[in-house]
Amino acid sequence: MKKYLLLLLSAGLFFTSCKNDDNIFPDDNGDETQKTANDYPVQNFMYQVMNSFYFWQEDVPNLADSKFESLDDPDYISFLASEPDPEAFFNSLLYEDDRFSFLREDYHDLVNSFQGISKSNGLEFGLSLFGDNRDVFGYVQYVVKDSDADKKGMKRGDIFITIDGEQLFYNSATDNNFHLFNEDSYTLGMADIVDKTITPNNKKVTLTKEEGLTENPIYLSTVIEHNGVKVGYIMYNSFIASYDDELNEVFGNLKAENIDELVLDFRYNPGGRVTSAIQIASAVYGTNTDELFLKARYNEKIMETFDPGDGEENFVDTTFDSKTPLNTLNLKRVFVIATGATASASELVMNGLAPYVDVVHIGENTVGKNEFSNTFVDDPENNYFYNEDFEDRINPDNQWGIQPLLGRNENADGFLDYTSGLVPDYELDEDPGNLGVLGDSDEPLLALALSVISGETAKRSFEPLISVDFVSSSKMFKPGANKMLMDGLIKPLKSK
């Protein structure tokens, strides 16, 4: 795989540091004292990263390279001091169209989430409006094995309408009671669907989160015989590098089964590591290492440092970390189940394969996250990029981690504009009244894919019992939601 390199920045990044005796500010007692950027480590760290790497840097006036003369510019120190709340300061640096940059007070929460480790009760659910007064019901999509939800008997298709005695409601992103899902323990009020109506059943289930719950993103893989066609099916719920070798074995098993068609189920997949996305795409299409899978587009001042070929990634013939030879199916067509919860690296696989493979999209419009990001921490020696080998260098007094958008990936045809989502070829919403069993040939979305494969689409009705008016999901309450991580590819080593 061709590695590409980013800008090598000095400790001051795009600013030059010089002594300035004008940086005099009153301290907490009203006495005058000289302040430096080091007195505002969180804000300074955030600004340095955003000024250097943020995709929309040139579109944010406060991030302009001409805004401040140096790290010691009194105006720069005043700017850092102007907002003591780190989250508010970070948000003030975001471009108005940025939907996905975010931060966490403890960078470990980010790092763990990208490895499939979280504080969780193991219940994965969707939230949908119902009725006429903005009430919300939840429907269980799946349950993580050996979690508290699993031990309490929760299962796919269960319905709930209250949390800690409150009816779930949604009027806007700021007017709802979804914050209750962030509690370590909460009680759900359950319901049934009776005559197409959500009806309380007086059952209650209390769930408690546990630290360090690990979820294997490879939820299910199987082979389905359908009308004489062998169809491989993989449900994959997050792009996590530590499972790349296991995923390669799954493709090896499907290859040994001589499958004719493949269904990739990304319906609940919010994204993850780009190198894992390249691996999956290569396992579908082929180990054609001379063919382009993606080209990364960064902000203008980074792009100006690039040589021809920088930012390009081709298909691969080994796994990224262990360099294990890749099992590939060499398909000309792939079916992808994708919904309004499908984002980022999932969409990248679909878009990156499109120039080479007939990608048949079953389900709903996807999220439309075509930007990628990276994790940054207060480690100026590594230009603020997080590296697990250098954790001892991270400022112990500043544990904030930020995940700003760095750019967009275009495919081999140059296409990258899908901010409104990828549109399905065969549209079908999930039906909380008939979610079915994942991997079963009668599960509605998989059944639709199988009917397209066999040419029987017109012979079966897929009318839902309950239509979903989707507003959110459990994965949106976790660090790293809707993520596309370039951490395996970016190396801050290049300068011009």
Protein backbone atom coordinates (compact mmCIF):
# COMPACT_ATOMS: atom_id res chain seq x y z
CA MET A 1 0.00 0.00 0.00
CA LYS A 2 1.37 3.42 -0.90
CA LYS A 3 1.75 5.54 2.21
CA TYR A 4 1.23 9.24 1.92
CA LEU A 5 2.69 11.84 4.19
CA LEU A 6 1.40 15.00 5.76
CA LEU A 7 3.16 18.19 6.60
CA LEU A 8 5.98 18.13 9.16
CA LEU A 9 5.22 21.02 11.45
CA SER A 10 7.54 22.62 13.95
CA ALA A 11 6.57 22.78 17.60
CA GLY A 12 4.82 26.05 16.90
CA LEU A 13 3.08 24.73 13.77
CA PHE A 14 2.30 27.67 11.50
CA PHE A 15 3.25 30.24 14.10
CA THR A 16 6.76 31.31 14.97
CA SER A 17 7.46 31.80 18.63
CA CYS A 18 9.15 34.94 19.90
CA LYS A 19 9.33 36.74 23.22
CA ASN A 20 6.82 39.56 23.66
CA ASP A 21 6.62 41.62 26.82
CA ASP A 22 3.17 42.95 25.90
CA ASN A 23 1.33 39.78 26.98
CA ILE A 24 0.19 41.24 30.30
CA PHE A 25 -3.16 40.16 31.71
CA PRO A 26 -4.76 40.48 35.15
CA ASP A 27 -4.70 37.26 37.18
CA ASP A 28 -7.51 36.00 39.43
CA ASN A 29 -6.55 38.54 42.10
CA GLY A 30 -6.54 41.44 39.68
CA ASP A 31 -2.74 41.69 39.65
CA GLU A 32 -1.02 42.02 36.31
CA THR A 33 0.94 38.99 35.14
CA GLN A 34 2.52 37.94 31.86
CA LYS A 35 0.56 35.18 30.13
CA THR A 36 1.67 32.80 27.41
CA ALA A 37 -0.04 30.15 25.32
CA ASN A 38 1.16 27.60 27.87
CA ASP A 39 -1.22 29.13 30.40
CA TYR A 40 -4.10 27.92 28.18
CA PRO A 41 -2.90 24.43 27.19
CA VAL A 42 -6.29 23.04 26.16
CA GLN A 43 -7.27 25.97 23.97
CA ASN A 44 -3.76 26.28 22.49
CA PHE A 45 -3.67 22.57 21.61
CA MET A 46 -7.08 22.77 19.97
CA TYR A 47 -6.21 25.89 18.00
CA GLN A 48 -2.89 24.53 16.73
CA VAL A 49 -4.56 21.38 15.42
CA MET A 50 -7.50 23.18 13.82
CA ASN A 51 -5.34 25.85 12.19
CA SER A 52 -3.06 23.20 10.71
CA PHE A 53 -5.25 20.27 9.73
CA TYR A 54 -8.94 21.20 9.73
CA PHE A 55 -10.57 20.62 6.35
CA TRP A 56 -12.39 23.98 6.38
CA GLN A 57 -9.51 25.95 7.92
CA GLU A 58 -9.58 28.61 5.23
CA ASP A 59 -13.36 29.09 5.64
CA VAL A 60 -13.21 29.87 9.39
CA PRO A 61 -12.05 33.49 9.94
CA ASN A 62 -10.59 32.80 13.38
CA LEU A 63 -8.41 30.03 11.89
CA ALA A 64 -6.91 32.20 9.16
CA ASP A 65 -3.10 32.09 9.03
CA SER A 66 -3.10 35.90 8.99
CA LYS A 67 -5.23 36.16 12.14
CA PHE A 68 -2.31 36.10 14.58
CA GLU A 69 1.38 36.89 14.10
CA SER A 70 2.88 34.38 16.51
CA LEU A 71 2.29 32.19 19.55
CA ASP A 72 3.19 35.23 21.66
CA ASP A 73 0.89 37.65 19.86
CA PRO A 74 -1.16 39.37 22.62
CA ASP A 75 -4.24 39.01 20.44
CA TYR A 76 -3.65 35.26 20.25
CA ILE A 77 -3.26 34.97 24.02
CA SER A 78 -6.42 37.03 24.49
CA PHE A 79 -8.26 34.78 22.05
CA LEU A 80 -7.22 31.66 23.96
CA ALA A 81 -8.32 33.28 27.21
CA SER A 82 -11.66 34.46 25.83
CA GLU A 83 -13.45 31.11 26.26
CA PRO A 84 -12.58 29.06 29.36
CA ASP A 85 -14.95 26.20 28.45
CA PRO A 86 -12.96 23.80 26.19
CA GLU A 87 -16.04 22.44 24.43
CA ALA A 88 -17.36 25.92 23.64
CA PHE A 89 -13.91 26.99 22.46
CA PHE A 90 -13.64 23.98 20.13
CA ASN A 91 -17.14 24.56 18.76
CA SER A 92 -16.25 28.18 18.02
CA LEU A 93 -13.60 26.94 15.58
CA LEU A 94 -15.97 24.77 13.54
CA TYR A 95 -17.26 25.55 10.07
CA GLU A 96 -21.02 25.99 9.93
CA ASP A 97 -21.53 22.95 7.66
CA ASP A 98 -19.47 20.63 9.86
CA ARG A 99 -21.82 17.94 11.21
CA PHE A 100 -19.33 15.47 12.61
CA SER A 101 -16.25 16.96 14.33
CA PHE A 102 -16.36 16.29 18.06
CA LEU A 103 -14.29 15.99 21.23
CA ARG A 104 -14.11 14.14 24.54
CA GLU A 105 -12.69 15.31 27.87
CA ASP A 106 -10.79 12.04 28.21
CA TYR A 107 -9.13 10.91 25.00
CA HIS A 108 -9.20 7.30 26.26
CA ASP A 109 -12.96 7.28 25.58
CA LEU A 110 -12.24 7.98 21.91
CA VAL A 111 -9.46 5.44 21.61
CA ASN A 112 -11.48 2.68 23.30
CA SER A 113 -14.56 3.32 21.19
CA PHE A 114 -12.52 2.89 18.01
CA GLN A 115 -11.43 -0.52 19.30
CA GLY A 116 -14.99 -1.64 20.04
CA ILE A 117 -14.58 -1.09 23.79
CA SER A 118 -17.04 1.04 25.69
CA LYS A 119 -19.00 1.52 28.86
CA SER A 120 -22.24 -0.11 27.79
CA ASN A 121 -25.16 -2.30 28.75
CA GLY A 122 -25.03 -3.96 25.32
CA LEU A 123 -28.41 -2.76 24.07
CA GLU A 124 -28.34 -1.41 20.52
CA PHE A 125 -31.55 0.28 19.48
CA GLY A 126 -33.20 2.72 17.14
CA LEU A 127 -35.52 5.57 18.12
CA SER A 128 -38.57 6.54 16.06
CA LEU A 129 -41.37 9.07 16.31
CA PHE A 130 -44.91 7.81 16.67
CA GLY A 131 -48.31 9.35 17.25
CA ASP A 132 -49.09 13.03 16.76
CA ASN A 133 -47.33 14.65 19.71
CA ARG A 134 -43.63 13.90 19.11
CA ASP A 135 -43.61 10.82 21.32
CA VAL A 136 -40.79 8.35 20.64
CA PHE A 137 -40.51 4.60 20.87
CA GLY A 138 -37.35 2.51 20.89
CA TYR A 139 -36.88 -0.78 19.11
CA VAL A 140 -34.06 -3.20 19.84
CA GLN A 141 -31.88 -3.83 16.79
CA TYR A 142 -29.51 -6.31 18.39
CA VAL A 143 -27.93 -7.19 21.73
CA VAL A 144 -24.21 -7.59 22.41
CA LYS A 145 -23.40 -11.10 23.58
CA ASP A 146 -22.76 -11.53 27.33
CA SER A 147 -23.78 -7.94 28.09
CA ASP A 148 -26.22 -6.90 30.80
CA ALA A 149 -28.98 -6.55 28.20
CA ASP A 150 -28.25 -10.09 27.02
CA LYS A 151 -28.37 -11.40 30.59
CA LYS A 152 -31.67 -9.57 31.19
CA GLY A 153 -33.26 -11.33 28.22
CA MET A 154 -33.53 -8.34 25.88
CA LYS A 155 -33.79 -9.36 22.23
CA ARG A 156 -34.11 -7.97 18.72
CA GLY A 157 -37.60 -6.58 18.13
CA ASP A 158 -38.35 -5.61 21.73
CA ILE A 159 -40.17 -2.26 22.01
CA PHE A 160 -39.88 0.37 24.77
CA ILE A 161 -41.48 3.78 25.21
CA THR A 162 -40.35 5.13 28.60
CA ILE A 163 -37.05 5.58 30.39
CA ASP A 164 -37.02 5.96 34.18
CA GLY A 165 -40.75 6.53 34.04
CA GLU A 166 -40.60 9.32 31.44
CA GLN A 167 -42.22 9.01 28.02
CA LEU A 168 -39.48 9.36 25.41
CA PHE A 169 -40.01 12.47 23.30
CA TYR A 170 -38.26 14.46 20.59
CA ASN A 171 -38.98 17.97 19.34
CA SER A 172 -35.48 18.90 18.20
CA ALA A 173 -31.85 18.02 18.76
CA THR A 174 -31.91 20.18 21.90
CA ASP A 175 -35.48 19.45 23.05
CA ASN A 176 -35.69 15.77 23.99
CA ASN A 177 -34.90 13.51 26.93
CA PHE A 178 -32.34 11.26 25.23
CA HIS A 179 -29.70 12.35 27.76
CA LEU A 180 -31.20 9.76 30.11
CA PHE A 181 -29.55 7.05 28.00
CA ASN A 182 -26.18 8.40 29.18
CA GLU A 183 -26.88 7.32 32.76
CA ASP A 184 -24.99 4.29 34.07
CA SER A 185 -28.29 2.59 34.90
CA TYR A 186 -31.82 3.19 33.66
CA THR A 187 -35.17 1.43 33.54
CA LEU A 188 -37.08 0.93 30.30
CA GLY A 189 -40.86 0.70 30.12
CA MET A 190 -41.70 -1.93 27.54
CA ALA A 191 -44.51 -2.09 24.99
CA ASP A 192 -46.04 -4.33 22.33
CA ILE A 193 -47.33 -3.68 18.85
CA VAL A 194 -51.06 -4.50 18.83
CA ASP A 195 -53.06 -3.91 15.63
CA LYS A 196 -50.26 -1.69 14.32
CA THR A 197 -50.37 0.40 17.50
CA ILE A 198 -47.63 0.85 20.12
CA THR A 199 -49.26 -0.36 23.36
CA PRO A 200 -47.64 -0.29 26.86
CA ASN A 201 -47.49 -3.73 28.52
CA ASN A 202 -46.44 -2.68 32.06
CA LYS A 203 -43.18 -4.65 31.87
CA LYS A 204 -40.00 -2.93 33.02
CA VAL A 205 -36.34 -3.80 32.49
CA THR A 206 -33.47 -2.17 34.38
CA LEU A 207 -30.13 -2.16 32.56
CA THR A 208 -26.71 -1.33 33.98
CA LYS A 209 -23.62 -0.39 31.99
CA GLU A 210 -20.28 -2.08 32.53
CA GLU A 211 -16.83 -0.69 31.84
CA GLY A 212 -14.80 -2.22 29.05
CA LEU A 213 -17.57 -4.10 27.24
CA THR A 214 -16.09 -5.40 24.00
CA GLU A 215 -18.19 -5.96 20.90
CA ASN A 216 -17.01 -8.09 18.00
CA PRO A 217 -18.04 -6.11 14.90
CA ILE A 218 -18.43 -9.34 12.89
CA TYR A 219 -21.91 -10.06 14.19
CA LEU A 220 -22.74 -12.87 11.80
CA SER A 221 -21.51 -14.64 8.70
CA THR A 222 -23.27 -17.47 6.90
CA VAL A 223 -24.06 -19.00 3.52
CA ILE A 224 -27.66 -19.10 2.31
CA GLU A 225 -28.85 -21.43 -0.44
CA HIS A 226 -31.56 -19.57 -2.34
CA ASN A 227 -33.14 -20.94 -5.49
CA GLY A 228 -29.96 -22.74 -6.43
CA VAL A 229 -27.72 -19.72 -5.72
CA LYS A 230 -25.13 -19.73 -2.92
CA VAL A 231 -25.25 -16.35 -1.21
CA GLY A 232 -22.67 -15.29 1.35
CA TYR A 233 -23.90 -12.96 4.09
CA ILE A 234 -21.82 -10.88 6.50
CA MET A 235 -23.26 -8.55 9.10
CA TYR A 236 -20.49 -6.15 10.06
CA ASN A 237 -21.21 -3.42 12.60
CA SER A 238 -18.01 -1.36 12.83
CA PHE A 239 -14.65 -1.09 11.04
CA ILE A 240 -12.23 -2.09 13.80
CA ALA A 241 -8.64 -2.92 12.90
CA SER A 242 -8.11 -5.51 15.62
CA TYR A 243 -10.66 -7.77 13.90
CA ASP A 244 -9.17 -7.49 10.41
CA ASP A 245 -7.54 -10.93 10.53
CA GLU A 246 -10.76 -12.55 11.72
CA LEU A 247 -12.62 -10.76 8.95
CA ASN A 248 -10.10 -12.09 6.44
CA GLU A 249 -10.84 -15.61 7.70
CA VAL A 250 -14.56 -15.00 7.17
CA PHE A 251 -13.91 -14.11 3.53
CA GLY A 252 -11.69 -17.17 3.26
CA ASN A 253 -14.56 -19.36 4.47
CA LEU A 254 -16.95 -17.82 1.94
CA LYS A 255 -14.38 -18.35 -0.80
CA ALA A 256 -14.04 -22.01 0.21
CA GLU A 257 -17.83 -22.31 -0.04
CA ASN A 258 -17.68 -21.07 -3.67
CA ILE A 259 -20.43 -18.53 -3.14
CA ASP A 260 -22.09 -16.95 -6.17
CA GLU A 261 -23.23 -13.68 -4.58
CA LEU A 262 -22.40 -11.64 -1.48
CA VAL A 263 -24.57 -9.52 0.82
CA LEU A 264 -22.73 -7.07 3.11
CA ASP A 265 -25.01 -5.91 5.89
CA PHE A 266 -23.94 -2.42 7.04
CA ARG A 267 -27.38 -1.33 8.29
CA TYR A 268 -26.10 -0.45 11.80
CA ASN A 269 -22.49 0.33 10.88
CA PRO A 270 -21.46 3.95 11.67
CA GLY A 271 -17.95 3.55 10.25
CA GLY A 272 -14.44 3.18 11.60
CA ARG A 273 -10.92 2.65 10.28
CA VAL A 274 -10.35 3.38 6.61
CA THR A 275 -7.72 0.64 6.25
CA SER A 276 -10.37 -1.92 7.26
CA ALA A 277 -12.67 -0.46 4.61
CA ILE A 278 -9.95 -0.86 1.98
CA GLN A 279 -9.45 -4.46 3.10
CA ILE A 280 -13.15 -5.31 2.75
CA ALA A 281 -13.36 -3.65 -0.65
CA SER A 282 -10.29 -5.61 -1.79
CA ALA A 283 -11.77 -8.84 -0.46
CA VAL A 284 -14.88 -8.19 -2.54
CA TYR A 285 -13.29 -6.95 -5.77
CA GLY A 286 -9.73 -8.26 -5.87
CA THR A 287 -6.17 -7.66 -4.78
CA ASN A 288 -5.49 -5.29 -7.66
CA THR A 289 -2.79 -3.23 -6.02
CA ASP A 290 -2.29 -1.08 -9.12
CA GLU A 291 -5.88 0.21 -9.11
CA LEU A 292 -7.00 3.27 -7.15
CA PHE A 293 -9.50 2.85 -4.33
CA LEU A 294 -9.51 6.39 -2.91
CA LYS A 295 -7.82 9.74 -3.10
CA ALA A 296 -7.83 11.91 0.03
CA ARG A 297 -8.55 15.64 -0.26
CA TYR A 298 -7.28 17.87 2.56
CA ASN A 299 -7.31 21.63 3.13
CA GLU A 300 -5.56 23.73 0.54
CA LYS A 301 -2.33 24.42 2.39
CA ILE A 302 -1.78 20.71 2.96
CA MET A 303 -2.69 19.84 -0.64
CA GLU A 304 -0.10 22.38 -1.82
CA THR A 305 2.63 20.25 -0.24
CA PHE A 306 1.58 17.06 -2.03
CA ASP A 307 3.50 15.39 -4.81
CA PRO A 308 1.69 13.35 -7.49
CA GLY A 309 0.32 10.19 -5.89
CA ASP A 310 0.23 11.55 -2.36
CA GLY A 311 -3.10 10.90 -0.69
CA GLU A 312 -3.88 7.95 -2.97
CA GLU A 313 -4.65 4.45 -1.69
CA ASN A 314 -5.00 1.43 -3.96
CA PHE A 315 -6.64 -1.91 -3.34
CA VAL A 316 -4.48 -4.20 -1.18
CA ASP A 317 -3.38 -7.83 -1.18
CA THR A 318 -2.69 -8.23 2.56
CA THR A 319 -4.27 -7.17 5.80
CA PHE A 320 -2.92 -3.81 6.91
CA ASP A 321 -1.35 -4.66 10.28
CA SER A 322 -0.38 -8.35 10.19
CA LYS A 323 0.34 -8.42 6.42
CA THR A 324 -1.59 -11.69 6.08
CA PRO A 325 -2.37 -12.55 2.43
CA LEU A 326 -5.89 -11.39 1.64
CA ASN A 327 -8.72 -13.75 0.74
CA THR A 328 -10.66 -12.24 -2.13
CA LEU A 329 -13.88 -13.21 -3.91
CA ASN A 330 -13.21 -11.33 -7.19
CA LEU A 331 -16.88 -10.40 -7.56
CA LYS A 332 -18.44 -8.26 -10.25
CA ARG A 333 -21.47 -7.49 -8.10
CA VAL A 334 -22.10 -7.01 -4.38
CA PHE A 335 -25.31 -6.34 -2.45
CA VAL A 336 -25.08 -3.89 0.44
CA ILE A 337 -27.81 -3.43 3.04
CA ALA A 338 -27.52 0.16 4.21
CA THR A 339 -29.89 2.46 6.09
CA GLY A 340 -30.14 5.86 7.77
CA ALA A 341 -27.72 4.53 10.41
CA THR A 342 -25.05 3.59 7.83
CA ALA A 343 -22.21 6.10 7.67
CA SER A 344 -18.63 7.00 6.97
CA ALA A 345 -16.33 4.02 6.30
CA SER A 346 -19.40 1.97 5.30
CA GLU A 347 -20.27 4.57 2.68
CA LEU A 348 -16.61 4.67 1.65
CA VAL A 349 -16.70 0.96 0.78
CA MET A 350 -19.80 1.49 -1.33
CA ASN A 351 -18.46 4.58 -3.10
CA GLY A 352 -14.94 3.19 -3.53
CA LEU A 353 -16.21 -0.03 -5.12
CA ALA A 354 -18.68 1.70 -7.43
CA PRO A 355 -16.22 2.31 -10.33
CA TYR A 356 -15.33 -1.39 -10.41
CA VAL A 357 -18.26 -3.40 -9.09
CA ASP A 358 -22.05 -3.25 -9.45
CA VAL A 359 -22.97 -2.12 -5.92
CA VAL A 360 -26.66 -2.91 -5.37
CA HIS A 361 -27.89 -0.84 -2.42
CA ILE A 362 -30.81 -2.30 -0.46
CA GLY A 363 -32.54 -0.25 2.26
CA GLU A 364 -32.58 3.50 2.84
CA ASN A 365 -30.60 6.67 2.19
CA THR A 366 -27.36 6.56 4.15
CA VAL A 367 -26.13 9.28 6.51
CA GLY A 368 -23.90 11.05 3.99
CA LYS A 369 -20.66 11.36 5.96
CA ASN A 370 -18.02 11.64 3.28
CA GLU A 371 -15.38 13.23 5.53
CA PHE A 372 -12.61 11.49 7.44
CA SER A 373 -10.95 12.40 10.71
CA ASN A 374 -8.12 11.57 13.07
CA THR A 375 -7.62 11.60 16.83
CA PHE A 376 -5.49 14.43 18.23
CA VAL A 377 -4.12 14.81 21.75
CA ASP A 378 -1.78 17.23 23.50
CA ASP A 379 1.47 15.71 22.21
CA PRO A 380 3.26 18.49 20.27
CA GLU A 381 6.29 16.25 19.64
CA ASN A 382 4.10 14.12 17.35
CA ASN A 383 2.34 17.17 15.89
CA TYR A 384 -0.62 16.31 18.17
CA PHE A 385 -1.47 13.05 16.38
CA TYR A 386 -2.45 10.33 18.86
CA ASN A 387 -0.03 7.40 18.90
CA GLU A 388 -0.46 4.62 21.44
CA ASP A 389 3.33 4.21 21.59
CA PHE A 390 3.75 7.78 22.85
CA GLU A 391 1.07 7.98 25.52
CA ASP A 392 3.71 8.90 28.11
CA ARG A 393 4.30 12.14 26.17
CA ILE A 394 0.70 13.36 26.31
CA ASN A 395 0.28 16.34 28.61
CA PRO A 396 -1.00 14.83 31.90
CA ASP A 397 -2.78 18.11 32.68
CA ASN A 398 -4.68 18.04 29.38
CA GLN A 399 -6.40 14.78 28.58
CA TRP A 400 -8.82 16.21 26.02
CA GLY A 401 -9.06 14.41 22.71
CA ILE A 402 -10.46 16.03 19.59
CA GLN A 403 -11.68 14.38 16.40
CA PRO A 404 -11.84 17.10 13.72
CA LEU A 405 -12.67 16.43 10.11
CA LEU A 406 -9.52 16.47 7.99
CA GLY A 407 -10.80 15.92 4.47
CA ARG A 408 -12.88 13.93 2.02
CA ASN A 409 -12.14 10.77 0.08
CA GLU A 410 -13.04 10.59 -3.60
CA ASN A 411 -13.27 7.36 -5.58
CA ALA A 412 -11.44 6.43 -8.78
CA ASP A 413 -14.04 8.35 -10.81
CA GLY A 414 -13.42 11.48 -8.73
CA PHE A 415 -16.81 11.28 -7.01
CA LEU A 416 -17.04 12.40 -3.38
CA ASP A 417 -20.22 14.49 -3.17
CA TYR A 418 -22.71 12.38 -1.23
CA THR A 419 -23.40 14.60 1.76
CA SER A 420 -27.11 13.88 1.29
CA GLY A 421 -26.44 10.16 1.53
CA LEU A 422 -26.18 7.30 -0.93
CA VAL A 423 -29.55 6.50 -2.49
CA PRO A 424 -30.82 2.90 -2.48
CA ASP A 425 -31.50 0.97 -5.66
CA TYR A 426 -34.26 -0.91 -3.82
CA GLU A 427 -35.81 1.10 -1.03
CA LEU A 428 -37.15 -0.53 2.12
CA ASP A 429 -37.29 0.73 5.70
CA GLU A 430 -36.80 -1.56 8.64
CA ASP A 431 -40.10 -2.60 10.19
CA PRO A 432 -40.15 -2.65 14.03
CA GLY A 433 -43.31 -4.73 13.75
CA ASN A 434 -41.42 -7.35 11.77
CA LEU A 435 -37.68 -6.93 12.26
CA GLY A 436 -37.08 -10.62 11.65
CA VAL A 437 -34.02 -12.62 12.60
CA LEU A 438 -30.70 -11.29 11.34
CA GLY A 439 -29.20 -13.64 8.77
CA ASP A 440 -32.49 -15.44 8.20
CA SER A 441 -33.72 -15.53 4.61
CA ASP A 442 -37.12 -14.19 5.75
CA GLU A 443 -35.67 -11.09 7.46
CA PRO A 444 -37.21 -8.33 5.28
CA LEU A 445 -34.09 -6.48 4.07
CA LEU A 446 -32.16 -9.67 3.41
CA ALA A 447 -35.25 -11.19 1.81
CA LEU A 448 -35.43 -8.23 -0.55
CA ALA A 449 -31.78 -8.70 -1.49
CA LEU A 450 -32.39 -12.40 -2.14
CA SER A 451 -35.44 -11.61 -4.23
CA VAL A 452 -33.37 -9.25 -6.40
CA ILE A 453 -30.72 -11.93 -6.79
CA SER A 454 -33.31 -14.48 -7.90
CA GLY A 455 -35.35 -12.03 -9.99
CA GLU A 456 -38.46 -12.43 -7.82
CA THR A 457 -38.74 -8.85 -6.59
CA ALA A 458 -42.17 -8.26 -8.09
CA LYS A 459 -43.59 -11.46 -6.59
CA ARG A 460 -43.33 -10.46 -2.92
CA SER A 461 -44.79 -7.62 -0.88
CA PHE A 462 -42.53 -5.90 1.63
CA GLU A 463 -45.10 -3.47 3.05
CA PRO A 464 -44.14 -2.69 6.68
CA LEU A 465 -46.48 -3.06 9.66
CA ILE A 466 -44.94 -0.04 11.39
CA SER A 467 -43.00 2.58 9.45
CA VAL A 468 -39.96 4.12 11.13
CA ASP A 469 -39.64 7.89 11.47
CA PHE A 470 -36.02 7.61 12.56
CA VAL A 471 -34.59 10.22 14.92
CA SER A 472 -31.55 8.57 16.52
CA SER A 473 -29.94 5.35 17.69
CA SER A 474 -27.93 4.03 20.62
CA LYS A 475 -24.69 4.34 18.65
CA MET A 476 -25.15 8.09 18.41
CA PHE A 477 -24.70 8.34 22.20
CA LYS A 478 -21.23 6.81 22.09
CA PRO A 479 -17.81 8.38 21.51
CA GLY A 480 -16.78 8.14 17.88
CA ALA A 481 -20.25 7.98 16.34
CA ASN A 482 -20.24 8.16 12.52
CA LYS A 483 -16.50 7.80 12.22
CA MET A 484 -14.08 7.40 9.32
CA LEU A 485 -10.56 7.16 10.72
CA MET A 486 -7.45 7.68 8.64
CA ASP A 487 -5.20 6.79 11.58
CA GLY A 488 -3.58 3.86 9.80
CA LEU A 489 -2.59 5.98 6.81
CA ILE A 490 -1.55 9.44 7.92
CA LYS A 491 2.08 9.91 8.88
CA PRO A 492 3.10 13.50 9.79
CA LEU A 493 6.56 13.31 8.25
CA LYS A 494 6.63 15.46 5.18
CA SER A 495 7.71 19.04 4.79
CA LYS A 496 8.27 21.42 1.97
